[in-house]
Amino acid sequence: MVVKLYALSTCPYCAKAKQLLNEQEIAYDLLDVDLAEDDVADKALKEVQQLTGRQSFPVILINDKVILGYKPDEILETLRHEK
């Protein structure tokens, strides 16, 4: 299972998403877009736009499933389904 989290370091919902994944002991790739170098941040913003149609955070990618926003029930259900 591949899990990627696009987040902002100042976003409280992003922090909750990180906490949830950590509590579930899920390995994930984290990109705090606002802390990334300009070229990495630009690429990440384009990826988020392509995945969701907007630039909103957090975005959690679990294999091919995209979850926009902090939706703990949907995140947990997708994690259970994708294992």
N, C-alpha and C. Protein backbone atom coordinates (compact mmCIF):
# COMPACT_ATOMS: atom_id res chain seq x y z
N MET A 1 0.84 -1.17 0.00
CA MET A 1 0.00 0.00 0.00
C MET A 1 0.89 1.24 0.00
N VAL A 2 0.57 2.18 -0.85
CA VAL A 2 1.31 3.43 -0.95
C VAL A 2 0.42 4.55 -0.44
N VAL A 3 0.91 5.29 0.55
CA VAL A 3 0.16 6.40 1.13
C VAL A 3 1.01 7.66 1.04
N LYS A 4 0.40 8.72 0.50
CA LYS A 4 1.09 9.99 0.40
C LYS A 4 0.18 11.08 0.97
N LEU A 5 0.77 11.97 1.76
CA LEU A 5 0.02 13.06 2.36
C LEU A 5 0.61 14.38 1.90
N TYR A 6 -0.23 15.16 1.21
CA TYR A 6 0.14 16.53 0.86
C TYR A 6 -0.46 17.41 1.95
N ALA A 7 0.37 18.22 2.60
CA ALA A 7 -0.09 18.98 3.75
C ALA A 7 0.55 20.36 3.76
N LEU A 8 0.06 21.18 4.70
CA LEU A 8 0.68 22.45 5.02
C LEU A 8 1.09 22.38 6.49
N SER A 9 2.25 22.88 6.82
CA SER A 9 2.76 22.77 8.19
C SER A 9 1.89 23.52 9.19
N THR A 10 1.14 24.52 8.74
CA THR A 10 0.32 25.35 9.63
C THR A 10 -1.15 24.93 9.67
N CYS A 11 -1.50 23.89 8.95
CA CYS A 11 -2.90 23.47 8.81
C CYS A 11 -3.30 22.51 9.93
N PRO A 12 -4.30 22.88 10.76
CA PRO A 12 -4.69 21.99 11.86
C PRO A 12 -5.28 20.66 11.38
N TYR A 13 -5.98 20.67 10.25
CA TYR A 13 -6.55 19.42 9.72
C TYR A 13 -5.46 18.52 9.15
N CYS A 14 -4.41 19.13 8.63
CA CYS A 14 -3.26 18.35 8.17
C CYS A 14 -2.58 17.67 9.35
N ALA A 15 -2.47 18.39 10.47
CA ALA A 15 -1.88 17.81 11.68
C ALA A 15 -2.71 16.63 12.17
N LYS A 16 -4.03 16.77 12.09
CA LYS A 16 -4.91 15.66 12.50
C LYS A 16 -4.74 14.46 11.59
N ALA A 17 -4.57 14.71 10.29
CA ALA A 17 -4.36 13.61 9.34
C ALA A 17 -3.05 12.90 9.65
N LYS A 18 -1.99 13.66 9.93
CA LYS A 18 -0.70 13.07 10.29
C LYS A 18 -0.85 12.21 11.56
N GLN A 19 -1.54 12.76 12.56
CA GLN A 19 -1.73 12.05 13.82
C GLN A 19 -2.49 10.75 13.61
N LEU A 20 -3.54 10.79 12.79
CA LEU A 20 -4.33 9.59 12.51
C LEU A 20 -3.48 8.51 11.85
N LEU A 21 -2.71 8.89 10.85
CA LEU A 21 -1.86 7.92 10.16
C LEU A 21 -0.80 7.36 11.11
N ASN A 22 -0.25 8.22 11.96
CA ASN A 22 0.75 7.76 12.92
C ASN A 22 0.13 6.80 13.94
N GLU A 23 -1.06 7.12 14.43
CA GLU A 23 -1.74 6.25 15.40
C GLU A 23 -2.05 4.87 14.80
N GLN A 24 -2.33 4.85 13.50
CA GLN A 24 -2.63 3.59 12.82
C GLN A 24 -1.36 2.87 12.39
N GLU A 25 -0.21 3.48 12.68
CA GLU A 25 1.10 2.93 12.32
C GLU A 25 1.21 2.67 10.82
N ILE A 26 0.74 3.64 10.05
CA ILE A 26 0.78 3.58 8.60
C ILE A 26 2.02 4.34 8.12
N ALA A 27 2.83 3.69 7.32
CA ALA A 27 3.98 4.36 6.70
C ALA A 27 3.45 5.23 5.55
N TYR A 28 3.88 6.47 5.51
CA TYR A 28 3.40 7.37 4.45
C TYR A 28 4.48 8.37 4.08
N ASP A 29 4.39 8.84 2.85
CA ASP A 29 5.26 9.90 2.38
C ASP A 29 4.57 11.22 2.68
N LEU A 30 5.27 12.11 3.34
CA LEU A 30 4.73 13.40 3.72
C LEU A 30 5.41 14.50 2.93
N LEU A 31 4.59 15.40 2.40
CA LEU A 31 5.13 16.60 1.77
C LEU A 31 4.40 17.81 2.36
N ASP A 32 5.10 18.55 3.23
CA ASP A 32 4.58 19.83 3.70
C ASP A 32 4.91 20.84 2.61
N VAL A 33 3.91 21.16 1.81
CA VAL A 33 4.12 21.95 0.60
C VAL A 33 4.70 23.32 0.91
N ASP A 34 4.25 23.93 2.01
CA ASP A 34 4.73 25.27 2.34
C ASP A 34 6.18 25.29 2.83
N LEU A 35 6.73 24.14 3.18
CA LEU A 35 8.12 24.07 3.63
C LEU A 35 9.06 23.57 2.53
N ALA A 36 8.49 23.14 1.41
CA ALA A 36 9.29 22.59 0.33
C ALA A 36 9.98 23.70 -0.47
N GLU A 37 11.05 23.32 -1.16
CA GLU A 37 11.71 24.27 -2.06
C GLU A 37 10.73 24.65 -3.17
N ASP A 38 10.96 25.80 -3.79
CA ASP A 38 10.01 26.34 -4.75
C ASP A 38 9.62 25.37 -5.86
N ASP A 39 10.61 24.70 -6.47
CA ASP A 39 10.30 23.80 -7.58
C ASP A 39 9.50 22.59 -7.10
N VAL A 40 9.81 22.07 -5.91
CA VAL A 40 9.08 20.93 -5.35
C VAL A 40 7.66 21.37 -4.99
N ALA A 41 7.54 22.55 -4.39
CA ALA A 41 6.22 23.07 -4.01
C ALA A 41 5.36 23.30 -5.25
N ASP A 42 5.93 23.88 -6.30
CA ASP A 42 5.18 24.12 -7.53
C ASP A 42 4.67 22.81 -8.12
N LYS A 43 5.53 21.80 -8.16
CA LYS A 43 5.14 20.50 -8.69
C LYS A 43 4.03 19.89 -7.83
N ALA A 44 4.17 19.99 -6.52
CA ALA A 44 3.16 19.43 -5.61
C ALA A 44 1.81 20.14 -5.78
N LEU A 45 1.84 21.45 -5.91
CA LEU A 45 0.58 22.19 -6.11
C LEU A 45 -0.11 21.78 -7.40
N LYS A 46 0.67 21.54 -8.45
CA LYS A 46 0.10 21.06 -9.71
C LYS A 46 -0.50 19.67 -9.54
N GLU A 47 0.20 18.80 -8.80
CA GLU A 47 -0.31 17.45 -8.55
C GLU A 47 -1.62 17.50 -7.77
N VAL A 48 -1.67 18.33 -6.73
CA VAL A 48 -2.90 18.48 -5.93
C VAL A 48 -4.04 19.00 -6.80
N GLN A 49 -3.74 19.97 -7.64
CA GLN A 49 -4.76 20.53 -8.54
C GLN A 49 -5.28 19.46 -9.48
N GLN A 50 -4.39 18.63 -10.03
CA GLN A 50 -4.82 17.57 -10.94
C GLN A 50 -5.64 16.51 -10.21
N LEU A 51 -5.27 16.18 -8.98
CA LEU A 51 -5.96 15.14 -8.22
C LEU A 51 -7.34 15.58 -7.73
N THR A 52 -7.45 16.87 -7.34
CA THR A 52 -8.68 17.31 -6.67
C THR A 52 -9.45 18.40 -7.39
N GLY A 53 -8.83 19.03 -8.36
CA GLY A 53 -9.50 20.14 -9.04
C GLY A 53 -9.34 21.46 -8.32
N ARG A 54 -8.62 21.46 -7.21
CA ARG A 54 -8.35 22.70 -6.48
C ARG A 54 -7.09 22.55 -5.63
N GLN A 55 -6.70 23.62 -4.98
CA GLN A 55 -5.51 23.58 -4.13
C GLN A 55 -5.95 23.72 -2.68
N SER A 56 -6.37 22.61 -2.12
CA SER A 56 -6.87 22.55 -0.76
C SER A 56 -6.16 21.42 -0.03
N PHE A 57 -6.02 21.54 1.27
CA PHE A 57 -5.25 20.56 2.03
C PHE A 57 -6.01 20.14 3.28
N PRO A 58 -5.73 18.97 3.81
CA PRO A 58 -4.81 17.94 3.35
C PRO A 58 -5.37 17.15 2.18
N VAL A 59 -4.48 16.54 1.43
CA VAL A 59 -4.84 15.58 0.39
C VAL A 59 -4.11 14.29 0.73
N ILE A 60 -4.88 13.23 0.87
CA ILE A 60 -4.30 11.92 1.18
C ILE A 60 -4.53 11.02 -0.01
N LEU A 61 -3.45 10.43 -0.49
CA LEU A 61 -3.50 9.51 -1.62
C LEU A 61 -3.17 8.13 -1.08
N ILE A 62 -4.16 7.22 -1.14
CA ILE A 62 -3.97 5.85 -0.68
C ILE A 62 -4.11 4.96 -1.91
N ASN A 63 -2.97 4.46 -2.39
CA ASN A 63 -2.91 3.79 -3.68
C ASN A 63 -3.51 4.74 -4.72
N ASP A 64 -4.64 4.42 -5.33
CA ASP A 64 -5.23 5.31 -6.34
C ASP A 64 -6.40 6.13 -5.80
N LYS A 65 -6.72 5.99 -4.52
CA LYS A 65 -7.86 6.68 -3.91
C LYS A 65 -7.40 8.02 -3.37
N VAL A 66 -8.14 9.09 -3.74
CA VAL A 66 -7.82 10.44 -3.30
C VAL A 66 -8.85 10.88 -2.26
N ILE A 67 -8.37 11.34 -1.12
CA ILE A 67 -9.25 11.87 -0.08
C ILE A 67 -8.85 13.32 0.16
N LEU A 68 -9.79 14.22 -0.08
CA LEU A 68 -9.55 15.66 0.09
C LEU A 68 -10.13 16.08 1.43
N GLY A 69 -9.29 16.64 2.28
CA GLY A 69 -9.74 17.09 3.59
C GLY A 69 -9.54 16.01 4.63
N TYR A 70 -9.76 16.40 5.88
CA TYR A 70 -9.62 15.46 6.98
C TYR A 70 -10.95 14.77 7.20
N LYS A 71 -11.04 13.54 6.74
CA LYS A 71 -12.25 12.73 6.86
C LYS A 71 -11.84 11.40 7.50
N PRO A 72 -11.75 11.36 8.84
CA PRO A 72 -11.18 10.19 9.50
C PRO A 72 -11.90 8.88 9.17
N ASP A 73 -13.22 8.89 9.10
CA ASP A 73 -13.94 7.65 8.79
C ASP A 73 -13.58 7.13 7.41
N GLU A 74 -13.53 8.04 6.43
CA GLU A 74 -13.19 7.64 5.06
C GLU A 74 -11.73 7.18 4.97
N ILE A 75 -10.85 7.85 5.69
CA ILE A 75 -9.44 7.47 5.69
C ILE A 75 -9.27 6.06 6.26
N LEU A 76 -9.89 5.82 7.42
CA LEU A 76 -9.76 4.51 8.07
C LEU A 76 -10.38 3.41 7.22
N GLU A 77 -11.54 3.67 6.63
CA GLU A 77 -12.20 2.67 5.78
C GLU A 77 -11.33 2.35 4.57
N THR A 78 -10.77 3.37 3.95
CA THR A 78 -9.91 3.15 2.77
C THR A 78 -8.65 2.37 3.18
N LEU A 79 -8.07 2.69 4.31
CA LEU A 79 -6.89 1.97 4.78
C LEU A 79 -7.21 0.50 5.00
N ARG A 80 -8.36 0.22 5.62
CA ARG A 80 -8.76 -1.18 5.85
C ARG A 80 -8.97 -1.90 4.53
N HIS A 81 -9.60 -1.24 3.59
CA HIS A 81 -9.93 -1.84 2.30
C HIS A 81 -8.68 -2.10 1.46
N GLU A 82 -7.69 -1.22 1.56
CA GLU A 82 -6.51 -1.28 0.69
C GLU A 82 -5.41 -2.19 1.24
N LYS A 83 -5.51 -2.63 2.48
CA LYS A 83 -4.43 -3.46 3.06
C LYS A 83 -4.27 -4.77 2.39
